[in-house]
């Protein structure tokens, strides 16, 4: 059995933009992924609302720093065959004053932590698949802390490619899903379904 660890933010946790609570677990993309991959795979969902790549959030909580929890997380679940990283959108909160390239560099730090670990099979590093978050949509303009996020998120594809293309597997979510029009940031049920299906096909191509 292969172990897949999905490490992300509210879109991995399963935040519902309509109800503002969690989707039923079988609707979240990680559950769709598990169903599509079948019994030969274990899929672990490690999603946290507000999680950043490497940044302490002095307002919403420093525990949301994805770098701080990543190392104990991968050691908790080892051996891991593949880590799926789906992070970046929260880095664009206005308080961090970051550009898309900074977000990509933050993801790069996480990739290097994983690739430098012995948490894969036979004490080797796991493989890493980075999911490039889809751009934000118009609804995000109503959220003051995300001011300017749309324009910056439109550069995710380019900057993630520039920074990460030689270091890990890379899948651009904007090629097949869009952020919800309800709040411009989270995923609708259809997007969760499509994301899980597309990631499952990509993972099968890796293994």
N, C-alpha and C. Protein backbone atom coordinates (compact mmCIF):
# COMPACT_ATOMS: atom_id res chain seq x y z
N UNK A 1 0.84 -1.20 0.00
CA UNK A 1 0.00 0.00 0.00
C UNK A 1 0.87 1.25 0.00
N UNK A 2 0.53 2.21 -0.86
CA UNK A 2 1.26 3.47 -0.91
C UNK A 2 0.53 4.51 -0.06
N UNK A 3 1.32 5.37 0.57
CA UNK A 3 0.76 6.40 1.45
C UNK A 3 0.91 7.77 0.82
N UNK A 4 -0.21 8.48 0.72
CA UNK A 4 -0.24 9.83 0.15
C UNK A 4 -0.65 10.80 1.25
N UNK A 5 0.21 11.79 1.54
CA UNK A 5 -0.10 12.81 2.54
C UNK A 5 -0.47 14.10 1.83
N UNK A 6 -1.67 14.60 2.08
CA UNK A 6 -2.16 15.83 1.45
C UNK A 6 -2.08 16.96 2.47
N UNK A 7 -1.17 17.90 2.24
CA UNK A 7 -0.86 18.95 3.21
C UNK A 7 -1.30 20.29 2.63
N UNK A 8 -2.32 20.89 3.24
CA UNK A 8 -2.87 22.10 2.65
C UNK A 8 -3.57 23.00 3.65
N UNK A 9 -4.41 23.88 3.10
CA UNK A 9 -5.12 24.87 3.90
C UNK A 9 -6.61 24.55 3.93
N UNK A 10 -7.46 25.57 3.93
CA UNK A 10 -8.90 25.36 4.05
C UNK A 10 -9.49 24.61 2.86
N UNK A 11 -8.84 24.69 1.71
CA UNK A 11 -9.35 23.95 0.55
C UNK A 11 -8.98 22.48 0.61
N UNK A 12 -8.12 22.10 1.53
CA UNK A 12 -7.86 20.69 1.81
C UNK A 12 -8.68 20.24 3.02
N UNK A 13 -8.88 21.15 3.96
CA UNK A 13 -9.75 20.87 5.10
C UNK A 13 -11.19 20.67 4.66
N UNK A 14 -11.61 21.47 3.64
CA UNK A 14 -12.95 21.33 3.11
C UNK A 14 -13.92 22.44 3.46
N UNK A 15 -13.43 23.68 3.51
CA UNK A 15 -14.28 24.82 3.86
C UNK A 15 -15.33 25.08 2.78
N UNK A 16 -16.59 25.17 3.22
CA UNK A 16 -17.71 25.40 2.32
C UNK A 16 -18.01 26.91 2.27
N UNK A 17 -17.79 27.58 1.15
CA UNK A 17 -17.99 29.03 1.09
C UNK A 17 -19.44 29.46 1.25
N UNK A 18 -20.36 28.53 1.03
CA UNK A 18 -21.77 28.86 1.14
C UNK A 18 -22.25 28.81 2.58
N UNK A 19 -21.89 27.76 3.31
CA UNK A 19 -22.36 27.58 4.68
C UNK A 19 -21.34 28.05 5.72
N UNK A 20 -20.09 28.22 5.29
CA UNK A 20 -18.97 28.63 6.14
C UNK A 20 -18.61 27.58 7.19
N UNK A 21 -19.02 26.34 6.95
CA UNK A 21 -18.58 25.21 7.77
C UNK A 21 -17.95 24.17 6.84
N UNK A 22 -17.64 23.01 7.37
CA UNK A 22 -16.94 22.00 6.59
C UNK A 22 -17.91 21.19 5.74
N UNK A 23 -17.47 20.90 4.51
CA UNK A 23 -18.23 19.97 3.68
C UNK A 23 -18.28 18.60 4.36
N UNK A 24 -19.28 17.81 4.01
CA UNK A 24 -19.24 16.40 4.40
C UNK A 24 -17.93 15.81 3.88
N UNK A 25 -17.30 14.98 4.69
CA UNK A 25 -15.95 14.54 4.35
C UNK A 25 -15.86 13.80 3.02
N UNK A 26 -16.93 13.12 2.62
CA UNK A 26 -16.85 12.40 1.36
C UNK A 26 -16.92 13.32 0.14
N UNK A 27 -17.16 14.63 0.37
CA UNK A 27 -17.21 15.60 -0.73
C UNK A 27 -15.87 16.30 -0.96
N UNK A 28 -14.95 16.19 0.00
CA UNK A 28 -13.67 16.88 -0.08
C UNK A 28 -12.75 16.16 -1.06
N UNK A 29 -11.91 16.92 -1.75
CA UNK A 29 -11.09 16.33 -2.82
C UNK A 29 -10.20 15.19 -2.35
N UNK A 30 -9.76 15.22 -1.10
CA UNK A 30 -8.93 14.13 -0.60
C UNK A 30 -9.71 12.82 -0.52
N UNK A 31 -11.00 12.92 -0.19
CA UNK A 31 -11.85 11.73 -0.15
C UNK A 31 -12.15 11.22 -1.55
N UNK A 32 -12.36 12.15 -2.48
CA UNK A 32 -12.55 11.77 -3.89
C UNK A 32 -11.29 11.07 -4.39
N UNK A 33 -10.13 11.61 -4.02
CA UNK A 33 -8.85 11.02 -4.40
C UNK A 33 -8.74 9.59 -3.88
N UNK A 34 -9.06 9.39 -2.61
CA UNK A 34 -8.99 8.06 -2.01
C UNK A 34 -9.91 7.08 -2.74
N UNK A 35 -11.12 7.52 -3.03
CA UNK A 35 -12.08 6.66 -3.71
C UNK A 35 -11.58 6.26 -5.09
N UNK A 36 -10.98 7.21 -5.80
CA UNK A 36 -10.50 6.94 -7.15
C UNK A 36 -9.26 6.04 -7.16
N UNK A 37 -8.40 6.22 -6.15
CA UNK A 37 -7.17 5.42 -6.11
C UNK A 37 -7.42 4.00 -5.63
N UNK A 38 -8.39 3.82 -4.74
CA UNK A 38 -8.73 2.48 -4.29
C UNK A 38 -7.91 2.00 -3.11
N UNK A 39 -8.04 0.72 -2.81
CA UNK A 39 -7.48 0.15 -1.59
C UNK A 39 -5.96 0.03 -1.60
N UNK A 40 -5.34 0.25 -2.72
CA UNK A 40 -3.88 0.15 -2.78
C UNK A 40 -3.20 1.42 -2.24
N UNK A 41 -4.00 2.41 -1.90
CA UNK A 41 -3.46 3.68 -1.43
C UNK A 41 -4.12 4.10 -0.12
N UNK A 42 -3.32 4.66 0.78
CA UNK A 42 -3.82 5.35 1.96
C UNK A 42 -3.69 6.85 1.71
N UNK A 43 -4.77 7.61 1.87
CA UNK A 43 -4.75 9.05 1.65
C UNK A 43 -5.00 9.74 2.99
N UNK A 44 -4.05 10.56 3.42
CA UNK A 44 -4.12 11.26 4.69
C UNK A 44 -4.39 12.73 4.44
N UNK A 45 -5.46 13.25 5.03
CA UNK A 45 -5.84 14.66 4.86
C UNK A 45 -5.30 15.48 6.02
N UNK A 46 -4.39 16.40 5.71
CA UNK A 46 -3.81 17.31 6.71
C UNK A 46 -4.08 18.75 6.27
N UNK A 47 -5.34 19.16 6.36
CA UNK A 47 -5.73 20.51 5.98
C UNK A 47 -6.00 21.37 7.20
N UNK A 48 -5.60 22.63 7.14
CA UNK A 48 -5.82 23.57 8.25
C UNK A 48 -6.26 24.92 7.69
N UNK A 49 -7.37 25.43 8.18
CA UNK A 49 -7.85 26.74 7.75
C UNK A 49 -6.79 27.81 8.03
N UNK A 50 -6.51 28.64 7.04
CA UNK A 50 -5.59 29.76 7.21
C UNK A 50 -4.12 29.40 7.15
N UNK A 51 -3.80 28.15 6.85
CA UNK A 51 -2.38 27.75 6.84
C UNK A 51 -1.61 28.50 5.75
N UNK A 52 -0.47 29.04 6.12
CA UNK A 52 0.44 29.69 5.16
C UNK A 52 1.53 28.70 4.77
N UNK A 53 2.42 29.14 3.91
CA UNK A 53 3.57 28.30 3.57
C UNK A 53 4.60 28.35 4.69
N UNK A 54 5.17 29.52 4.93
CA UNK A 54 6.27 29.63 5.91
C UNK A 54 6.11 30.82 6.84
N UNK A 55 4.96 31.46 6.85
CA UNK A 55 4.81 32.74 7.54
C UNK A 55 4.02 32.61 8.83
N UNK A 56 4.54 33.21 9.91
CA UNK A 56 3.79 33.32 11.16
C UNK A 56 2.68 34.36 10.98
N UNK A 57 1.49 34.03 11.41
CA UNK A 57 0.38 34.97 11.34
C UNK A 57 0.13 35.53 12.73
N UNK A 58 0.52 36.79 12.98
CA UNK A 58 0.41 37.35 14.32
C UNK A 58 -1.02 37.62 14.76
N UNK A 59 -1.95 37.61 13.82
CA UNK A 59 -3.34 37.90 14.13
C UNK A 59 -4.17 36.63 14.26
N UNK A 60 -4.08 35.75 13.27
CA UNK A 60 -4.89 34.53 13.27
C UNK A 60 -4.22 33.35 13.96
N UNK A 61 -2.94 33.49 14.30
CA UNK A 61 -2.28 32.43 15.05
C UNK A 61 -1.03 31.92 14.37
N UNK A 62 0.08 31.89 15.10
CA UNK A 62 1.34 31.44 14.54
C UNK A 62 1.33 29.95 14.22
N UNK A 63 0.41 29.20 14.82
CA UNK A 63 0.31 27.76 14.54
C UNK A 63 -0.09 27.49 13.09
N UNK A 64 -0.51 28.54 12.38
CA UNK A 64 -0.91 28.37 10.98
C UNK A 64 0.29 28.34 10.02
N UNK A 65 1.46 28.55 10.54
CA UNK A 65 2.68 28.49 9.73
C UNK A 65 2.91 27.05 9.27
N UNK A 66 2.81 26.82 7.96
CA UNK A 66 2.94 25.46 7.43
C UNK A 66 4.30 24.85 7.60
N UNK A 67 5.32 25.68 7.68
CA UNK A 67 6.68 25.17 7.85
C UNK A 67 6.85 24.55 9.23
N UNK A 68 6.29 25.17 10.26
CA UNK A 68 6.50 24.71 11.62
C UNK A 68 5.96 23.31 11.87
N UNK A 69 4.84 22.98 11.24
CA UNK A 69 4.21 21.68 11.50
C UNK A 69 4.62 20.61 10.50
N UNK A 70 5.21 21.00 9.39
CA UNK A 70 5.48 20.03 8.32
C UNK A 70 6.40 18.91 8.76
N UNK A 71 7.52 19.23 9.40
CA UNK A 71 8.50 18.22 9.75
C UNK A 71 7.93 17.17 10.71
N UNK A 72 7.30 17.59 11.82
CA UNK A 72 6.69 16.56 12.68
C UNK A 72 5.56 15.82 11.98
N UNK A 73 4.88 16.47 11.07
CA UNK A 73 3.77 15.82 10.36
C UNK A 73 4.27 14.68 9.49
N UNK A 74 5.29 14.93 8.70
CA UNK A 74 5.78 13.87 7.80
C UNK A 74 6.43 12.74 8.59
N UNK A 75 7.02 13.07 9.74
CA UNK A 75 7.59 12.02 10.57
C UNK A 75 6.51 11.22 11.29
N UNK A 76 5.39 11.85 11.59
CA UNK A 76 4.28 11.15 12.21
C UNK A 76 3.72 10.07 11.28
N UNK A 77 3.65 10.38 10.00
CA UNK A 77 2.98 9.48 9.06
C UNK A 77 3.93 8.62 8.23
N UNK A 78 5.22 8.73 8.44
CA UNK A 78 6.17 7.98 7.62
C UNK A 78 6.03 6.47 7.84
N UNK A 79 6.37 5.67 6.81
CA UNK A 79 6.91 6.10 5.52
C UNK A 79 5.82 6.60 4.58
N UNK A 80 6.12 7.67 3.87
CA UNK A 80 5.19 8.31 2.95
C UNK A 80 5.76 8.19 1.54
N UNK A 81 4.91 7.79 0.60
CA UNK A 81 5.37 7.68 -0.78
C UNK A 81 5.30 9.01 -1.52
N UNK A 82 4.30 9.81 -1.19
CA UNK A 82 4.10 11.09 -1.89
C UNK A 82 3.46 12.10 -0.96
N UNK A 83 4.00 13.32 -0.96
CA UNK A 83 3.36 14.44 -0.26
C UNK A 83 2.77 15.37 -1.31
N UNK A 84 1.49 15.66 -1.18
CA UNK A 84 0.82 16.62 -2.05
C UNK A 84 0.71 17.94 -1.29
N UNK A 85 1.36 18.97 -1.81
CA UNK A 85 1.31 20.30 -1.20
C UNK A 85 0.32 21.17 -1.97
N UNK A 86 -0.68 21.70 -1.27
CA UNK A 86 -1.69 22.56 -1.89
C UNK A 86 -1.84 23.80 -1.01
N UNK A 87 -0.89 24.72 -1.15
CA UNK A 87 -0.81 25.90 -0.30
C UNK A 87 -0.44 27.13 -1.12
N UNK A 88 -0.68 28.30 -0.52
CA UNK A 88 -0.23 29.54 -1.15
C UNK A 88 -1.21 30.68 -1.08
N UNK A 89 -2.49 30.40 -1.14
CA UNK A 89 -3.48 31.47 -1.20
C UNK A 89 -3.46 32.35 0.04
N UNK A 90 -3.29 31.76 1.22
CA UNK A 90 -3.28 32.55 2.46
C UNK A 90 -2.08 33.47 2.57
N UNK A 91 -1.02 33.15 1.83
CA UNK A 91 0.17 34.02 1.83
C UNK A 91 -0.14 35.40 1.24
N UNK A 92 -1.23 35.48 0.47
CA UNK A 92 -1.57 36.74 -0.19
C UNK A 92 -2.42 37.67 0.69
N UNK A 93 -2.62 37.30 1.93
CA UNK A 93 -3.29 38.24 2.84
C UNK A 93 -2.47 39.53 2.91
N UNK A 94 -3.17 40.64 2.92
CA UNK A 94 -2.52 41.95 2.81
C UNK A 94 -1.46 42.17 3.88
N UNK A 95 -1.65 41.58 5.05
CA UNK A 95 -0.72 41.81 6.16
C UNK A 95 0.68 41.27 5.88
N UNK A 96 0.81 40.31 4.95
CA UNK A 96 2.12 39.74 4.67
C UNK A 96 2.90 40.51 3.60
N UNK A 97 2.21 41.32 2.82
CA UNK A 97 2.85 42.16 1.79
C UNK A 97 3.75 41.34 0.85
N UNK A 98 3.21 40.23 0.34
CA UNK A 98 3.99 39.34 -0.52
C UNK A 98 3.53 39.40 -1.96
N UNK A 99 4.42 38.99 -2.86
CA UNK A 99 4.11 38.83 -4.27
C UNK A 99 4.04 37.34 -4.59
N UNK A 100 3.56 37.01 -5.77
CA UNK A 100 3.42 35.60 -6.16
C UNK A 100 4.75 34.86 -6.10
N UNK A 101 5.83 35.51 -6.46
CA UNK A 101 7.14 34.85 -6.42
C UNK A 101 7.52 34.49 -4.99
N UNK A 102 7.14 35.33 -4.01
CA UNK A 102 7.42 35.03 -2.61
C UNK A 102 6.65 33.79 -2.17
N UNK A 103 5.42 33.67 -2.64
CA UNK A 103 4.61 32.50 -2.31
C UNK A 103 5.25 31.24 -2.86
N UNK A 104 5.68 31.30 -4.12
CA UNK A 104 6.34 30.15 -4.75
C UNK A 104 7.61 29.78 -3.99
N UNK A 105 8.35 30.78 -3.53
CA UNK A 105 9.57 30.53 -2.76
C UNK A 105 9.23 29.89 -1.41
N UNK A 106 8.08 30.28 -0.83
CA UNK A 106 7.64 29.66 0.41
C UNK A 106 7.34 28.19 0.22
N UNK A 107 6.68 27.86 -0.89
CA UNK A 107 6.42 26.46 -1.20
C UNK A 107 7.73 25.71 -1.42
N UNK A 108 8.68 26.38 -2.05
CA UNK A 108 9.98 25.76 -2.30
C UNK A 108 10.65 25.34 -0.99
N UNK A 109 10.53 26.17 0.04
CA UNK A 109 11.10 25.83 1.35
C UNK A 109 10.50 24.51 1.85
N UNK A 110 9.19 24.36 1.70
CA UNK A 110 8.52 23.14 2.14
C UNK A 110 8.96 21.93 1.33
N UNK A 111 9.10 22.12 0.03
CA UNK A 111 9.57 21.03 -0.84
C UNK A 111 10.96 20.57 -0.40
N UNK A 112 11.83 21.51 -0.08
CA UNK A 112 13.19 21.16 0.33
C UNK A 112 13.21 20.43 1.67
N UNK A 113 12.30 20.80 2.57
CA UNK A 113 12.20 20.08 3.85
C UNK A 113 11.84 18.63 3.59
N UNK A 114 10.86 18.41 2.74
CA UNK A 114 10.41 17.05 2.44
C UNK A 114 11.49 16.26 1.71
N UNK A 115 12.08 16.88 0.70
CA UNK A 115 13.09 16.18 -0.11
C UNK A 115 14.38 15.95 0.66
N UNK A 116 14.57 16.69 1.75
CA UNK A 116 15.76 16.50 2.57
C UNK A 116 15.53 15.56 3.74
N UNK A 117 14.35 14.96 3.81
CA UNK A 117 14.00 14.09 4.93
C UNK A 117 14.19 12.62 4.57
N UNK A 118 14.09 11.77 5.59
CA UNK A 118 14.17 10.32 5.37
C UNK A 118 12.82 9.67 5.64
N UNK A 119 11.75 10.40 5.28
CA UNK A 119 10.40 9.95 5.65
C UNK A 119 9.70 9.15 4.56
N UNK A 120 10.42 8.81 3.50
CA UNK A 120 9.86 7.97 2.46
C UNK A 120 10.21 6.51 2.67
N UNK A 121 9.86 5.65 1.73
CA UNK A 121 10.20 4.23 1.82
C UNK A 121 11.71 4.02 1.90
N UNK A 122 12.13 3.06 2.71
CA UNK A 122 13.55 2.72 2.84
C UNK A 122 14.41 3.90 3.27
N UNK A 123 13.82 4.77 4.09
CA UNK A 123 14.54 5.94 4.64
C UNK A 123 14.98 6.93 3.57
N UNK A 124 14.32 6.90 2.43
CA UNK A 124 14.58 7.84 1.34
C UNK A 124 13.53 8.96 1.38
N UNK A 125 13.75 10.07 0.68
CA UNK A 125 12.74 11.13 0.67
C UNK A 125 11.49 10.72 -0.10
N UNK A 126 10.32 11.20 0.32
CA UNK A 126 9.11 10.97 -0.47
C UNK A 126 9.15 11.78 -1.77
N UNK A 127 8.31 11.41 -2.70
CA UNK A 127 8.08 12.25 -3.86
C UNK A 127 7.20 13.42 -3.42
N UNK A 128 7.23 14.51 -4.19
CA UNK A 128 6.44 15.69 -3.86
C UNK A 128 5.66 16.15 -5.09
N UNK A 129 4.37 16.36 -4.91
CA UNK A 129 3.52 16.94 -5.95
C UNK A 129 2.96 18.26 -5.43
N UNK A 130 3.28 19.35 -6.10
CA UNK A 130 2.76 20.66 -5.72
C UNK A 130 1.57 21.00 -6.61
N UNK A 131 0.45 21.36 -5.98
CA UNK A 131 -0.73 21.82 -6.71
C UNK A 131 -0.71 23.35 -6.69
N UNK A 132 -0.67 23.95 -7.86
CA UNK A 132 -0.71 25.41 -7.96
C UNK A 132 -2.15 25.86 -7.71
N UNK A 133 -2.42 26.68 -6.70
CA UNK A 133 -3.79 27.09 -6.43
C UNK A 133 -4.39 27.87 -7.60
N UNK A 134 -5.68 27.68 -7.86
CA UNK A 134 -6.32 28.47 -8.91
C UNK A 134 -6.39 29.93 -8.50
N UNK A 135 -6.41 30.84 -9.46
CA UNK A 135 -6.51 32.27 -9.12
C UNK A 135 -7.78 32.57 -8.34
N UNK A 136 -7.72 33.62 -7.55
CA UNK A 136 -8.90 34.08 -6.83
C UNK A 136 -9.89 34.70 -7.82
N UNK A 137 -11.14 34.73 -7.41
CA UNK A 137 -12.20 35.29 -8.24
C UNK A 137 -12.73 36.59 -7.63
N UNK A 138 -13.65 37.23 -8.32
CA UNK A 138 -14.13 38.56 -7.97
C UNK A 138 -14.65 38.66 -6.54
N UNK A 139 -15.28 37.60 -6.02
CA UNK A 139 -15.86 37.65 -4.69
C UNK A 139 -14.87 37.98 -3.59
N UNK A 140 -13.59 37.73 -3.83
CA UNK A 140 -12.58 37.99 -2.81
C UNK A 140 -12.40 39.48 -2.54
N UNK A 141 -12.88 40.31 -3.47
CA UNK A 141 -12.76 41.76 -3.29
C UNK A 141 -13.56 42.26 -2.08
N UNK A 142 -14.52 41.45 -1.62
CA UNK A 142 -15.32 41.83 -0.45
C UNK A 142 -14.62 41.48 0.86
N UNK A 143 -13.45 40.86 0.78
CA UNK A 143 -12.69 40.47 1.97
C UNK A 143 -11.49 41.40 2.09
N UNK A 144 -11.53 42.40 2.99
CA UNK A 144 -10.47 43.41 3.06
C UNK A 144 -9.07 42.84 3.24
N UNK A 145 -8.93 41.74 3.99
CA UNK A 145 -7.58 41.22 4.24
C UNK A 145 -6.95 40.59 3.01
N UNK A 146 -7.76 40.38 1.96
CA UNK A 146 -7.23 39.81 0.72
C UNK A 146 -7.11 40.87 -0.38
N UNK A 147 -7.09 42.12 -0.01
CA UNK A 147 -6.99 43.22 -0.98
C UNK A 147 -5.80 43.01 -1.91
N UNK A 148 -6.05 43.07 -3.21
CA UNK A 148 -4.98 42.89 -4.20
C UNK A 148 -4.66 41.45 -4.52
N UNK A 149 -5.41 40.52 -3.91
CA UNK A 149 -5.10 39.10 -4.06
C UNK A 149 -5.33 38.55 -5.46
N UNK A 150 -6.36 39.06 -6.15
CA UNK A 150 -6.68 38.53 -7.47
C UNK A 150 -5.50 38.73 -8.42
N UNK A 151 -5.03 39.95 -8.51
CA UNK A 151 -3.94 40.25 -9.44
C UNK A 151 -2.70 39.42 -9.14
N UNK A 152 -2.37 39.27 -7.87
CA UNK A 152 -1.19 38.49 -7.51
C UNK A 152 -1.38 37.01 -7.80
N UNK A 153 -2.58 36.49 -7.50
CA UNK A 153 -2.83 35.06 -7.70
C UNK A 153 -2.80 34.67 -9.18
N UNK A 154 -3.07 35.62 -10.06
CA UNK A 154 -3.00 35.34 -11.49
C UNK A 154 -1.58 35.01 -11.95
N UNK A 155 -0.60 35.33 -11.12
CA UNK A 155 0.80 35.06 -11.46
C UNK A 155 1.32 33.78 -10.82
N UNK A 156 0.44 33.08 -10.09
CA UNK A 156 0.86 31.83 -9.46
C UNK A 156 1.43 30.83 -10.45
N UNK A 157 0.72 30.60 -11.55
CA UNK A 157 1.15 29.58 -12.51
C UNK A 157 2.56 29.85 -13.00
N UNK A 158 2.82 31.07 -13.40
CA UNK A 158 4.14 31.43 -13.92
C UNK A 158 5.21 31.30 -12.86
N UNK A 159 4.97 31.85 -11.69
CA UNK A 159 6.01 31.88 -10.66
C UNK A 159 6.27 30.49 -10.06
N UNK A 160 5.22 29.71 -9.85
CA UNK A 160 5.42 28.35 -9.35
C UNK A 160 6.24 27.54 -10.35
N UNK A 161 5.94 27.72 -11.62
CA UNK A 161 6.69 27.01 -12.66
C UNK A 161 8.15 27.43 -12.65
N UNK A 162 8.39 28.72 -12.58
CA UNK A 162 9.77 29.23 -12.60
C UNK A 162 10.59 28.72 -11.42
N UNK A 163 9.97 28.68 -10.25
CA UNK A 163 10.70 28.34 -9.03
C UNK A 163 10.81 26.83 -8.82
N UNK A 164 9.76 26.06 -9.19
CA UNK A 164 9.66 24.67 -8.74
C UNK A 164 9.81 23.62 -9.82
N UNK A 165 9.89 24.00 -11.07
CA UNK A 165 9.79 23.02 -12.15
C UNK A 165 10.86 21.93 -12.11
N UNK A 166 12.02 22.21 -11.58
CA UNK A 166 13.10 21.22 -11.55
C UNK A 166 13.16 20.45 -10.23
N UNK A 167 12.26 20.75 -9.31
CA UNK A 167 12.40 20.20 -7.96
C UNK A 167 11.35 19.18 -7.55
N UNK A 168 10.22 19.16 -8.26
CA UNK A 168 9.11 18.30 -7.84
C UNK A 168 8.13 18.16 -8.99
N UNK A 169 7.13 17.30 -8.78
CA UNK A 169 6.01 17.25 -9.71
C UNK A 169 5.14 18.48 -9.49
N UNK A 170 4.55 18.98 -10.57
CA UNK A 170 3.80 20.23 -10.49
C UNK A 170 2.52 20.11 -11.31
N UNK A 171 1.39 20.43 -10.68
CA UNK A 171 0.09 20.41 -11.36
C UNK A 171 -0.59 21.75 -11.17
N UNK A 172 -0.98 22.38 -12.26
CA UNK A 172 -1.63 23.69 -12.22
C UNK A 172 -3.14 23.51 -12.15
N UNK A 173 -3.72 23.76 -10.97
CA UNK A 173 -5.16 23.54 -10.78
C UNK A 173 -6.01 24.45 -11.65
N UNK A 174 -5.46 25.59 -12.08
CA UNK A 174 -6.24 26.52 -12.90
C UNK A 174 -6.58 25.94 -14.27
N UNK A 175 -5.93 24.85 -14.64
CA UNK A 175 -6.20 24.22 -15.93
C UNK A 175 -7.53 23.47 -15.94
N UNK A 176 -8.05 23.16 -14.72
CA UNK A 176 -9.29 22.37 -14.71
C UNK A 176 -10.30 22.78 -13.65
N UNK A 177 -9.96 23.69 -12.72
CA UNK A 177 -10.96 24.18 -11.76
C UNK A 177 -10.83 25.69 -11.58
N UNK A 178 -11.86 26.29 -10.98
CA UNK A 178 -11.84 27.71 -10.63
C UNK A 178 -12.28 27.87 -9.19
N UNK A 179 -11.85 28.94 -8.57
CA UNK A 179 -12.32 29.26 -7.22
C UNK A 179 -13.80 29.61 -7.27
N UNK A 180 -14.49 29.42 -6.15
CA UNK A 180 -15.92 29.69 -6.08
C UNK A 180 -16.23 31.16 -6.31
N UNK A 181 -17.32 31.42 -7.01
CA UNK A 181 -17.77 32.79 -7.21
C UNK A 181 -18.44 33.35 -5.94
N UNK A 182 -18.71 32.47 -4.97
CA UNK A 182 -19.36 32.91 -3.74
C UNK A 182 -18.43 33.80 -2.93
N UNK A 183 -17.19 33.33 -2.72
CA UNK A 183 -16.24 34.14 -1.95
C UNK A 183 -14.92 34.36 -2.67
N UNK A 184 -14.79 33.81 -3.85
CA UNK A 184 -13.60 34.06 -4.67
C UNK A 184 -12.36 33.31 -4.26
N UNK A 185 -12.45 32.44 -3.24
CA UNK A 185 -11.26 31.79 -2.72
C UNK A 185 -11.40 30.28 -2.57
N UNK A 186 -12.53 29.84 -2.01
CA UNK A 186 -12.68 28.42 -1.72
C UNK A 186 -13.28 27.66 -2.90
N UNK A 187 -13.41 26.36 -2.73
CA UNK A 187 -13.85 25.51 -3.84
C UNK A 187 -15.29 25.05 -3.67
N UNK A 188 -16.03 25.07 -4.77
CA UNK A 188 -17.36 24.50 -4.79
C UNK A 188 -17.27 22.98 -4.86
N UNK A 189 -18.36 22.26 -4.58
CA UNK A 189 -18.32 20.80 -4.62
C UNK A 189 -17.83 20.24 -5.96
N UNK A 190 -18.23 20.89 -7.05
CA UNK A 190 -17.80 20.41 -8.37
C UNK A 190 -16.30 20.51 -8.53
N UNK A 191 -15.71 21.56 -7.96
CA UNK A 191 -14.26 21.74 -8.05
C UNK A 191 -13.54 20.69 -7.21
N UNK A 192 -14.07 20.38 -6.03
CA UNK A 192 -13.48 19.32 -5.21
C UNK A 192 -13.48 17.99 -5.97
N UNK A 193 -14.61 17.69 -6.59
CA UNK A 193 -14.73 16.43 -7.34
C UNK A 193 -13.71 16.38 -8.48
N UNK A 194 -13.65 17.45 -9.24
CA UNK A 194 -12.74 17.48 -10.40
C UNK A 194 -11.29 17.43 -9.95
N UNK A 195 -10.98 18.14 -8.88
CA UNK A 195 -9.61 18.15 -8.37
C UNK A 195 -9.18 16.76 -7.93
N UNK A 196 -10.04 16.08 -7.18
CA UNK A 196 -9.70 14.73 -6.74
C UNK A 196 -9.48 13.77 -7.90
N UNK A 197 -10.32 13.89 -8.92
CA UNK A 197 -10.20 13.03 -10.10
C UNK A 197 -8.89 13.30 -10.84
N UNK A 198 -8.58 14.56 -11.04
CA UNK A 198 -7.37 14.92 -11.80
C UNK A 198 -6.10 14.55 -11.04
N UNK A 199 -6.10 14.76 -9.73
CA UNK A 199 -4.92 14.40 -8.95
C UNK A 199 -4.74 12.89 -8.92
N UNK A 200 -5.83 12.15 -8.87
CA UNK A 200 -5.71 10.68 -8.86
C UNK A 200 -5.06 10.19 -10.15
N UNK A 201 -5.45 10.77 -11.27
CA UNK A 201 -4.86 10.37 -12.55
C UNK A 201 -3.37 10.72 -12.57
N UNK A 202 -3.02 11.88 -12.04
CA UNK A 202 -1.61 12.29 -12.02
C UNK A 202 -0.80 11.37 -11.13
N UNK A 203 -1.34 11.01 -9.97
CA UNK A 203 -0.62 10.13 -9.05
C UNK A 203 -0.40 8.75 -9.68
N UNK A 204 -1.39 8.25 -10.37
CA UNK A 204 -1.21 6.97 -11.04
C UNK A 204 -0.11 7.03 -12.09
N UNK A 205 0.04 8.20 -12.73
CA UNK A 205 1.10 8.34 -13.73
C UNK A 205 2.48 8.37 -13.06
N UNK A 206 2.54 8.87 -11.81
CA UNK A 206 3.81 8.90 -11.08
C UNK A 206 4.25 7.49 -10.70
N UNK A 207 3.28 6.69 -10.22
CA UNK A 207 3.62 5.36 -9.71
C UNK A 207 3.36 4.25 -10.73
